[in-house]
Amino acid sequence: MQTQQRCDLTGMVALVTGAGGGLGPFIARALAEAGATVAVNDRTLERTTATVEELRRAGFAVEGFPADVTDSAQVDQLIQHVVERFGQLDILVNKAEAHGSGCRSDEVTDEEWEAVLAVNVHAPFYLSRAAVRHMRQRRFGRIIHVSHITAIRTSVLNGVAYVATKEALYGLTRHLSIEVAQHGITVNAILPGFIVTPKLVSEWGEERIARLAETIPALRAGTPEEVAALVVFLASREAGYITGAAIPIDGAVSVVPGARNNPEAAFA
């Protein structure tokens, strides 16, 4: 007897924001590998195109849609363009984020506060609002916010704007999940901890990464592929009864207090 492949996204259309760097390209690739048609977004044409070309060289069906997701009008156009191009939108992955300077609360400028809030809270709200309008008609949808473990465990190293917005995104996830559950739409957040990307390796170096990884209960850092695999599962039909959740992917850092919970490693 032939069995259906688990987490098969064939026939689905996914939009990944912030796909031009960091975890974004890994998530877009994993969704494509699972069978989804993928639309990638970043703020600039250059960053969007770089991911599109990388995935097309690997043989995946992907198209780019550059837009500023902090602008609600551009977000509405972005979602509309994806739906017009592919006929549907099944999966929304909100990956775009801003970190801010990480400076003390009394040193944060109005401009920095508003800029981080715009990317980390306004953008996922605008995108979710626009996506739900289409998903509700099809009675199916998956919205996945890529947040951070600072949503459930505060770290001063990330700065007040980053921490506050990640906790706000957790609230948005829970509230929206209640509103749309009856329409077959799930809304979840994933909370990565210390994940080693190529950019982090180039900025920190292998020695520093290895030293910090030893402070994690799992005794290693996470990989982008592990984060992407969690996104694929939450996007699948198999995850249809999981909604309103915030799922840490951090090697147990968020649940173990004390010296082994090195904040520099946990919240980098």
C-alpha atoms as a PDB file:
ATOM      1  CA  MET A   1       0.000   0.000   0.000  1.00  0.00           C
ATOM      2  CA  GLN A   2       1.371   3.382  -1.001  1.00  0.00           C
ATOM      3  CA  THR A   3       1.549   5.943   1.787  1.00  0.00           C
ATOM      4  CA  GLN A   4       1.509   9.705   1.373  1.00  0.00           C
ATOM      5  CA  GLN A   5       4.751  11.533   2.076  1.00  0.00           C
ATOM      6  CA  ARG A   6       4.705  13.377   5.378  1.00  0.00           C
ATOM      7  CA  CYS A   7       4.798  17.171   5.301  1.00  0.00           C
ATOM      8  CA  ASP A   8       4.116  17.175   1.576  1.00  0.00           C
ATOM      9  CA  LEU A   9       3.421  20.759   0.496  1.00  0.00           C
ATOM     10  CA  THR A  10       2.764  19.953  -3.157  1.00  0.00           C
ATOM     11  CA  GLY A  11       0.079  22.214  -4.566  1.00  0.00           C
ATOM     12  CA  MET A  12       0.595  24.881  -1.905  1.00  0.00           C
ATOM     13  CA  VAL A  13       1.876  28.422  -2.385  1.00  0.00           C
ATOM     14  CA  ALA A  14       4.133  29.943   0.277  1.00  0.00           C
ATOM     15  CA  LEU A  15       5.300  33.518   0.804  1.00  0.00           C
ATOM     16  CA  VAL A  16       8.472  34.076   2.833  1.00  0.00           C
ATOM     17  CA  THR A  17       9.329  37.629   3.889  1.00  0.00           C
ATOM     18  CA  GLY A  18      12.840  38.630   4.859  1.00  0.00           C
ATOM     19  CA  ALA A  19      14.052  35.956   2.466  1.00  0.00           C
ATOM     20  CA  GLY A  20      17.148  37.836   1.374  1.00  0.00           C
ATOM     21  CA  GLY A  21      19.380  36.777   4.235  1.00  0.00           C
ATOM     22  CA  GLY A  22      19.801  35.015   7.556  1.00  0.00           C
ATOM     23  CA  LEU A  23      17.338  32.163   7.985  1.00  0.00           C
ATOM     24  CA  GLY A  24      15.151  33.377   5.109  1.00  0.00           C
ATOM     25  CA  PRO A  25      16.832  31.533   2.210  1.00  0.00           C
ATOM     26  CA  PHE A  26      16.978  28.307   4.232  1.00  0.00           C
ATOM     27  CA  ILE A  27      13.261  28.478   4.987  1.00  0.00           C
ATOM     28  CA  ALA A  28      12.387  29.244   1.372  1.00  0.00           C
ATOM     29  CA  ARG A  29      14.506  26.313   0.167  1.00  0.00           C
ATOM     30  CA  ALA A  30      12.980  23.883   2.664  1.00  0.00           C
ATOM     31  CA  LEU A  31       9.450  24.846   1.638  1.00  0.00           C
ATOM     32  CA  ALA A  32      10.383  24.364  -2.018  1.00  0.00           C
ATOM     33  CA  GLU A  33      11.986  20.998  -1.269  1.00  0.00           C
ATOM     34  CA  ALA A  34       8.715  19.944   0.380  1.00  0.00           C
ATOM     35  CA  GLY A  35       6.893  20.712  -2.861  1.00  0.00           C
ATOM     36  CA  ALA A  36       5.552  24.219  -2.344  1.00  0.00           C
ATOM     37  CA  THR A  37       5.678  26.957  -4.941  1.00  0.00           C
ATOM     38  CA  VAL A  38       7.560  29.730  -3.169  1.00  0.00           C
ATOM     39  CA  ALA A  39       7.287  33.504  -3.399  1.00  0.00           C
ATOM     40  CA  VAL A  40      10.166  35.301  -1.708  1.00  0.00           C
ATOM     41  CA  ASN A  41      10.197  38.861  -0.468  1.00  0.00           C
ATOM     42  CA  ASP A  42      12.762  41.285   0.815  1.00  0.00           C
ATOM     43  CA  ARG A  43      12.922  45.052   0.980  1.00  0.00           C
ATOM     44  CA  THR A  44      15.232  45.486  -2.009  1.00  0.00           C
ATOM     45  CA  LEU A  45      15.227  44.017  -5.491  1.00  0.00           C
ATOM     46  CA  GLU A  46      18.882  43.012  -5.094  1.00  0.00           C
ATOM     47  CA  ARG A  47      18.327  40.912  -1.961  1.00  0.00           C
ATOM     48  CA  THR A  48      15.135  39.384  -3.322  1.00  0.00           C
ATOM     49  CA  THR A  49      16.755  38.489  -6.638  1.00  0.00           C
ATOM     50  CA  ALA A  50      19.764  36.874  -4.952  1.00  0.00           C
ATOM     51  CA  THR A  51      17.545  34.328  -3.211  1.00  0.00           C
ATOM     52  CA  VAL A  52      15.428  33.747  -6.312  1.00  0.00           C
ATOM     53  CA  GLU A  53      18.488  33.013  -8.437  1.00  0.00           C
ATOM     54  CA  GLU A  54      19.986  30.707  -5.796  1.00  0.00           C
ATOM     55  CA  LEU A  55      16.817  28.609  -5.578  1.00  0.00           C
ATOM     56  CA  ARG A  56      16.219  28.561  -9.315  1.00  0.00           C
ATOM     57  CA  ARG A  57      19.737  27.241  -9.873  1.00  0.00           C
ATOM     58  CA  ALA A  58      18.771  24.404  -7.563  1.00  0.00           C
ATOM     59  CA  GLY A  59      15.751  23.676  -9.755  1.00  0.00           C
ATOM     60  CA  PHE A  60      12.964  25.079  -7.598  1.00  0.00           C
ATOM     61  CA  ALA A  61       9.877  27.019  -8.680  1.00  0.00           C
ATOM     62  CA  VAL A  62      10.290  30.416  -7.034  1.00  0.00           C
ATOM     63  CA  GLU A  63       9.545  34.050  -7.835  1.00  0.00           C
ATOM     64  CA  GLY A  64      10.548  37.296  -6.165  1.00  0.00           C
ATOM     65  CA  PHE A  65       8.311  40.087  -4.937  1.00  0.00           C
ATOM     66  CA  PRO A  66      10.334  42.964  -3.440  1.00  0.00           C
ATOM     67  CA  ALA A  67       8.352  45.262  -1.147  1.00  0.00           C
ATOM     68  CA  ASP A  68       8.626  47.239   2.078  1.00  0.00           C
ATOM     69  CA  VAL A  69       6.521  45.183   4.484  1.00  0.00           C
ATOM     70  CA  THR A  70       6.334  48.050   6.988  1.00  0.00           C
ATOM     71  CA  ASP A  71       4.093  49.887   4.502  1.00  0.00           C
ATOM     72  CA  SER A  72       0.540  48.537   4.703  1.00  0.00           C
ATOM     73  CA  ALA A  73      -0.294  49.640   1.159  1.00  0.00           C
ATOM     74  CA  GLN A  74       2.732  47.785  -0.231  1.00  0.00           C
ATOM     75  CA  VAL A  75       1.798  44.735   1.837  1.00  0.00           C
ATOM     76  CA  ASP A  76      -1.707  44.670   0.380  1.00  0.00           C
ATOM     77  CA  GLN A  77      -0.210  44.898  -3.112  1.00  0.00           C
ATOM     78  CA  LEU A  78       2.335  42.179  -2.299  1.00  0.00           C
ATOM     79  CA  ILE A  79      -0.317  39.702  -1.182  1.00  0.00           C
ATOM     80  CA  GLN A  80      -2.516  40.594  -4.135  1.00  0.00           C
ATOM     81  CA  HIS A  81       0.339  40.106  -6.601  1.00  0.00           C
ATOM     82  CA  VAL A  82       1.151  36.676  -5.158  1.00  0.00           C
ATOM     83  CA  VAL A  83      -2.498  35.601  -5.352  1.00  0.00           C
ATOM     84  CA  GLU A  84      -2.866  36.936  -8.892  1.00  0.00           C
ATOM     85  CA  ARG A  85       0.323  35.173  -9.998  1.00  0.00           C
ATOM     86  CA  PHE A  86      -0.323  31.783  -8.414  1.00  0.00           C
ATOM     87  CA  GLY A  87      -4.074  31.791  -7.814  1.00  0.00           C
ATOM     88  CA  GLN A  88      -3.790  31.253  -4.069  1.00  0.00           C
ATOM     89  CA  LEU A  89      -1.748  31.797  -0.918  1.00  0.00           C
ATOM     90  CA  ASP A  90      -1.606  28.934   1.563  1.00  0.00           C
ATOM     91  CA  ILE A  91       1.450  29.627   3.704  1.00  0.00           C
ATOM     92  CA  LEU A  92       2.783  32.914   5.075  1.00  0.00           C
ATOM     93  CA  VAL A  93       6.147  32.931   6.832  1.00  0.00           C
ATOM     94  CA  ASN A  94       6.919  36.245   8.492  1.00  0.00           C
ATOM     95  CA  LYS A  95      10.713  36.249   8.737  1.00  0.00           C
ATOM     96  CA  ALA A  96      11.581  39.931   8.227  1.00  0.00           C
ATOM     97  CA  GLU A  97      12.955  41.437  11.430  1.00  0.00           C
ATOM     98  CA  ALA A  98      14.972  44.333  12.837  1.00  0.00           C
ATOM     99  CA  HIS A  99      17.357  44.038  15.786  1.00  0.00           C
ATOM    100  CA  GLY A 100      18.073  47.614  16.774  1.00  0.00           C
ATOM    101  CA  SER A 101      21.265  48.705  18.505  1.00  0.00           C
ATOM    102  CA  GLY A 102      20.798  46.783  21.743  1.00  0.00           C
ATOM    103  CA  CYS A 103      21.661  49.871  23.781  1.00  0.00           C
ATOM    104  CA  ARG A 104      20.185  50.772  27.193  1.00  0.00           C
ATOM    105  CA  SER A 105      16.547  51.816  27.411  1.00  0.00           C
ATOM    106  CA  ASP A 106      17.424  55.397  28.338  1.00  0.00           C
ATOM    107  CA  GLU A 107      19.627  55.628  25.246  1.00  0.00           C
ATOM    108  CA  VAL A 108      17.141  54.319  22.662  1.00  0.00           C
ATOM    109  CA  THR A 109      16.028  57.034  20.268  1.00  0.00           C
ATOM    110  CA  ASP A 110      12.464  57.494  19.082  1.00  0.00           C
ATOM    111  CA  GLU A 111      13.638  56.672  15.571  1.00  0.00           C
ATOM    112  CA  GLU A 112      15.160  53.332  16.602  1.00  0.00           C
ATOM    113  CA  TRP A 113      12.134  52.370  18.702  1.00  0.00           C
ATOM    114  CA  GLU A 114       9.729  53.113  15.872  1.00  0.00           C
ATOM    115  CA  ALA A 115      11.897  51.397  13.249  1.00  0.00           C
ATOM    116  CA  VAL A 116      12.126  48.127  15.202  1.00  0.00           C
ATOM    117  CA  LEU A 117       8.416  48.254  16.031  1.00  0.00           C
ATOM    118  CA  ALA A 118       7.571  48.773  12.359  1.00  0.00           C
ATOM    119  CA  VAL A 119       9.427  45.671  11.170  1.00  0.00           C
ATOM    120  CA  ASN A 120       8.798  43.327  14.100  1.00  0.00           C
ATOM    121  CA  VAL A 121       5.163  44.149  14.914  1.00  0.00           C
ATOM    122  CA  HIS A 122       3.511  46.303  12.260  1.00  0.00           C
ATOM    123  CA  ALA A 123       4.775  44.224   9.336  1.00  0.00           C
ATOM    124  CA  PRO A 124       3.617  40.804  10.596  1.00  0.00           C
ATOM    125  CA  PHE A 125       0.249  42.305  11.481  1.00  0.00           C
ATOM    126  CA  TYR A 126      -0.174  43.904   8.049  1.00  0.00           C
ATOM    127  CA  LEU A 127       0.892  40.687   6.321  1.00  0.00           C
ATOM    128  CA  SER A 128      -1.309  38.449   8.440  1.00  0.00           C
ATOM    129  CA  ARG A 129      -4.307  40.727   7.977  1.00  0.00           C
ATOM    130  CA  ALA A 130      -3.937  40.730   4.205  1.00  0.00           C
ATOM    131  CA  ALA A 131      -3.224  36.998   3.994  1.00  0.00           C
ATOM    132  CA  VAL A 132      -6.194  36.007   6.146  1.00  0.00           C
ATOM    133  CA  ARG A 133      -8.575  37.719   3.738  1.00  0.00           C
ATOM    134  CA  HIS A 134      -7.531  35.237   1.046  1.00  0.00           C
ATOM    135  CA  MET A 135      -6.996  32.198   3.246  1.00  0.00           C
ATOM    136  CA  ARG A 136     -10.434  32.519   4.796  1.00  0.00           C
ATOM    137  CA  GLN A 137     -12.069  32.134   1.391  1.00  0.00           C
ATOM    138  CA  ARG A 138     -10.240  28.820   0.852  1.00  0.00           C
ATOM    139  CA  ARG A 139     -10.783  27.688   4.454  1.00  0.00           C
ATOM    140  CA  PHE A 140      -7.126  26.805   4.749  1.00  0.00           C
ATOM    141  CA  GLY A 141      -4.006  28.669   5.753  1.00  0.00           C
ATOM    142  CA  ARG A 142      -0.769  28.523   7.691  1.00  0.00           C
ATOM    143  CA  ILE A 143       0.763  31.650   9.234  1.00  0.00           C
ATOM    144  CA  ILE A 144       4.163  31.189  10.861  1.00  0.00           C
ATOM    145  CA  HIS A 145       5.967  34.001  12.649  1.00  0.00           C
ATOM    146  CA  VAL A 146       9.716  33.551  13.028  1.00  0.00           C
ATOM    147  CA  SER A 147      10.229  35.186  16.408  1.00  0.00           C
ATOM    148  CA  HIS A 148      12.918  34.572  19.043  1.00  0.00           C
ATOM    149  CA  ILE A 149      13.228  33.012  22.473  1.00  0.00           C
ATOM    150  CA  THR A 150      13.315  36.526  23.912  1.00  0.00           C
ATOM    151  CA  ALA A 151       9.534  36.307  23.503  1.00  0.00           C
ATOM    152  CA  ILE A 152       9.484  34.066  26.577  1.00  0.00           C
ATOM    153  CA  ARG A 153      12.848  34.769  28.217  1.00  0.00           C
ATOM    154  CA  THR A 154      14.137  38.316  28.307  1.00  0.00           C
ATOM    155  CA  SER A 155      17.757  39.185  27.595  1.00  0.00           C
ATOM    156  CA  VAL A 156      19.238  42.629  28.120  1.00  0.00           C
ATOM    157  CA  LEU A 157      21.743  41.949  25.339  1.00  0.00           C
ATOM    158  CA  ASN A 158      19.091  42.286  22.653  1.00  0.00           C
ATOM    159  CA  GLY A 159      17.816  45.661  23.781  1.00  0.00           C
ATOM    160  CA  VAL A 160      14.420  46.853  24.903  1.00  0.00           C
ATOM    161  CA  ALA A 161      12.959  47.425  21.431  1.00  0.00           C
ATOM    162  CA  TYR A 162      13.799  43.933  20.194  1.00  0.00           C
ATOM    163  CA  VAL A 163      12.560  42.181  23.334  1.00  0.00           C
ATOM    164  CA  ALA A 164       9.345  44.201  23.546  1.00  0.00           C
ATOM    165  CA  THR A 165       8.473  43.579  19.915  1.00  0.00           C
ATOM    166  CA  LYS A 166       9.135  39.843  20.123  1.00  0.00           C
ATOM    167  CA  GLU A 167       6.817  39.589  23.125  1.00  0.00           C
ATOM    168  CA  ALA A 168       4.228  41.627  21.222  1.00  0.00           C
ATOM    169  CA  LEU A 169       4.500  39.206  18.299  1.00  0.00           C
ATOM    170  CA  TYR A 170       3.743  36.357  20.696  1.00  0.00           C
ATOM    171  CA  GLY A 171       0.557  38.163  21.732  1.00  0.00           C
ATOM    172  CA  LEU A 172      -0.401  38.717  18.103  1.00  0.00           C
ATOM    173  CA  THR A 173       0.123  35.016  17.412  1.00  0.00           C
ATOM    174  CA  ARG A 174      -2.168  33.897  20.217  1.00  0.00           C
ATOM    175  CA  HIS A 175      -4.934  36.393  19.539  1.00  0.00           C
ATOM    176  CA  LEU A 176      -5.014  35.880  15.789  1.00  0.00           C
ATOM    177  CA  SER A 177      -5.062  32.103  16.216  1.00  0.00           C
ATOM    178  CA  ILE A 178      -8.377  32.348  18.072  1.00  0.00           C
ATOM    179  CA  GLU A 179      -9.943  34.592  15.450  1.00  0.00           C
ATOM    180  CA  VAL A 180      -9.139  32.398  12.471  1.00  0.00           C
ATOM    181  CA  ALA A 181      -9.206  28.848  13.851  1.00  0.00           C
ATOM    182  CA  GLN A 182     -12.766  28.241  12.656  1.00  0.00           C
ATOM    183  CA  HIS A 183     -11.649  29.003   9.091  1.00  0.00           C
ATOM    184  CA  GLY A 184      -9.023  26.251   8.958  1.00  0.00           C
ATOM    185  CA  ILE A 185      -6.151  28.698   9.466  1.00  0.00           C
ATOM    186  CA  THR A 186      -3.397  28.085  12.005  1.00  0.00           C
ATOM    187  CA  VAL A 187      -1.126  30.764  13.450  1.00  0.00           C
ATOM    188  CA  ASN A 188       2.077  29.830  15.262  1.00  0.00           C
ATOM    189  CA  ALA A 189       5.398  31.355  16.240  1.00  0.00           C
ATOM    190  CA  ILE A 190       8.762  29.650  16.356  1.00  0.00           C
ATOM    191  CA  LEU A 191      11.380  30.892  18.794  1.00  0.00           C
ATOM    192  CA  PRO A 192      14.940  30.192  17.626  1.00  0.00           C
ATOM    193  CA  GLY A 193      17.798  30.491  20.069  1.00  0.00           C
ATOM    194  CA  PHE A 194      21.464  30.377  19.100  1.00  0.00           C
ATOM    195  CA  ILE A 195      21.370  29.430  15.412  1.00  0.00           C
ATOM    196  CA  VAL A 196      24.582  29.537  13.386  1.00  0.00           C
ATOM    197  CA  THR A 197      24.125  31.119   9.968  1.00  0.00           C
ATOM    198  CA  PRO A 198      26.898  31.799   7.433  1.00  0.00           C
ATOM    199  CA  LYS A 199      26.744  35.487   8.362  1.00  0.00           C
ATOM    200  CA  LEU A 200      27.260  34.701  12.034  1.00  0.00           C
ATOM    201  CA  VAL A 201      30.289  32.544  11.230  1.00  0.00           C
ATOM    202  CA  SER A 202      31.845  35.368   9.228  1.00  0.00           C
ATOM    203  CA  GLU A 203      31.177  37.929  11.975  1.00  0.00           C
ATOM    204  CA  TRP A 204      32.018  35.883  15.075  1.00  0.00           C
ATOM    205  CA  GLY A 205      34.416  33.180  13.922  1.00  0.00           C
ATOM    206  CA  GLU A 206      34.394  29.471  14.669  1.00  0.00           C
ATOM    207  CA  GLU A 207      36.229  29.754  17.995  1.00  0.00           C
ATOM    208  CA  ARG A 208      33.754  32.141  19.606  1.00  0.00           C
ATOM    209  CA  ILE A 209      30.794  30.134  18.317  1.00  0.00           C
ATOM    210  CA  ALA A 210      32.237  26.896  19.707  1.00  0.00           C
ATOM    211  CA  ARG A 211      32.912  28.512  23.077  1.00  0.00           C
ATOM    212  CA  LEU A 212      29.372  29.811  23.401  1.00  0.00           C
ATOM    213  CA  ALA A 213      27.834  26.575  22.144  1.00  0.00           C
ATOM    214  CA  GLU A 214      29.369  24.790  25.139  1.00  0.00           C
ATOM    215  CA  THR A 215      27.139  26.840  27.460  1.00  0.00           C
ATOM    216  CA  ILE A 216      23.960  25.494  25.848  1.00  0.00           C
ATOM    217  CA  PRO A 217      22.369  22.415  27.483  1.00  0.00           C
ATOM    218  CA  ALA A 218      22.445  20.618  24.118  1.00  0.00           C
ATOM    219  CA  LEU A 219      26.184  21.437  23.930  1.00  0.00           C
ATOM    220  CA  ARG A 220      25.865  22.781  20.404  1.00  0.00           C
ATOM    221  CA  ALA A 221      24.316  25.568  18.397  1.00  0.00           C
ATOM    222  CA  GLY A 222      21.297  25.027  16.185  1.00  0.00           C
ATOM    223  CA  THR A 223      21.374  24.963  12.399  1.00  0.00           C
ATOM    224  CA  PRO A 224      19.274  26.919   9.903  1.00  0.00           C
ATOM    225  CA  GLU A 225      18.094  23.618   8.447  1.00  0.00           C
ATOM    226  CA  GLU A 226      16.588  22.632  11.809  1.00  0.00           C
ATOM    227  CA  VAL A 227      14.656  25.882  11.989  1.00  0.00           C
ATOM    228  CA  ALA A 228      13.476  25.463   8.402  1.00  0.00           C
ATOM    229  CA  ALA A 229      12.315  21.905   9.112  1.00  0.00           C
ATOM    230  CA  LEU A 230      10.104  23.170  11.942  1.00  0.00           C
ATOM    231  CA  VAL A 231       8.589  25.746   9.604  1.00  0.00           C
ATOM    232  CA  VAL A 232       7.830  23.047   7.029  1.00  0.00           C
ATOM    233  CA  PHE A 233       6.087  20.901   9.626  1.00  0.00           C
ATOM    234  CA  LEU A 234       3.932  23.781  10.882  1.00  0.00           C
ATOM    235  CA  ALA A 235       3.062  24.600   7.264  1.00  0.00           C
ATOM    236  CA  SER A 236       1.894  21.059   6.581  1.00  0.00           C
ATOM    237  CA  ARG A 237      -1.542  19.501   6.826  1.00  0.00           C
ATOM    238  CA  GLU A 238      -0.225  17.248   9.587  1.00  0.00           C
ATOM    239  CA  ALA A 239       0.088  20.306  11.859  1.00  0.00           C
ATOM    240  CA  GLY A 240      -3.524  21.361  11.403  1.00  0.00           C
ATOM    241  CA  TYR A 241      -4.425  21.087  15.108  1.00  0.00           C
ATOM    242  CA  ILE A 242      -1.419  23.080  16.327  1.00  0.00           C
ATOM    243  CA  THR A 243      -2.274  26.762  16.594  1.00  0.00           C
ATOM    244  CA  GLY A 244      -1.590  29.647  18.957  1.00  0.00           C
ATOM    245  CA  ALA A 245       1.705  28.035  19.950  1.00  0.00           C
ATOM    246  CA  ALA A 246       5.132  29.568  20.479  1.00  0.00           C
ATOM    247  CA  ILE A 247       7.657  26.787  19.983  1.00  0.00           C
ATOM    248  CA  PRO A 248      11.255  27.215  21.209  1.00  0.00           C
ATOM    249  CA  ILE A 249      14.010  25.713  19.091  1.00  0.00           C
ATOM    250  CA  ASP A 250      16.961  26.478  21.322  1.00  0.00           C
ATOM    251  CA  GLY A 251      18.592  23.345  22.720  1.00  0.00           C
ATOM    252  CA  ALA A 252      16.774  23.826  26.081  1.00  0.00           C
ATOM    253  CA  VAL A 253      18.331  27.223  26.814  1.00  0.00           C
ATOM    254  CA  SER A 254      14.951  28.776  27.590  1.00  0.00           C
ATOM    255  CA  VAL A 255      14.093  26.257  30.302  1.00  0.00           C
ATOM    256  CA  VAL A 256      17.408  25.904  32.149  1.00  0.00           C
ATOM    257  CA  PRO A 257      18.419  28.708  34.546  1.00  0.00           C
ATOM    258  CA  GLY A 258      21.864  29.293  35.918  1.00  0.00           C
ATOM    259  CA  ALA A 259      25.396  29.526  34.618  1.00  0.00           C
ATOM    260  CA  ARG A 260      24.886  27.179  31.677  1.00  0.00           C
ATOM    261  CA  ASN A 261      22.273  29.543  30.290  1.00  0.00           C
ATOM    262  CA  ASN A 262      24.844  31.937  28.880  1.00  0.00           C
ATOM    263  CA  PRO A 263      22.857  34.961  27.662  1.00  0.00           C
ATOM    264  CA  GLU A 264      25.343  35.816  24.934  1.00  0.00           C
ATOM    265  CA  ALA A 265      24.917  32.385  23.397  1.00  0.00           C
ATOM    266  CA  ALA A 266      21.209  32.157  23.988  1.00  0.00           C
ATOM    267  CA  PHE A 267      20.164  35.426  22.519  1.00  0.00           C
ATOM    268  CA  ALA A 268      22.725  36.132  19.805  1.00  0.00           C
END
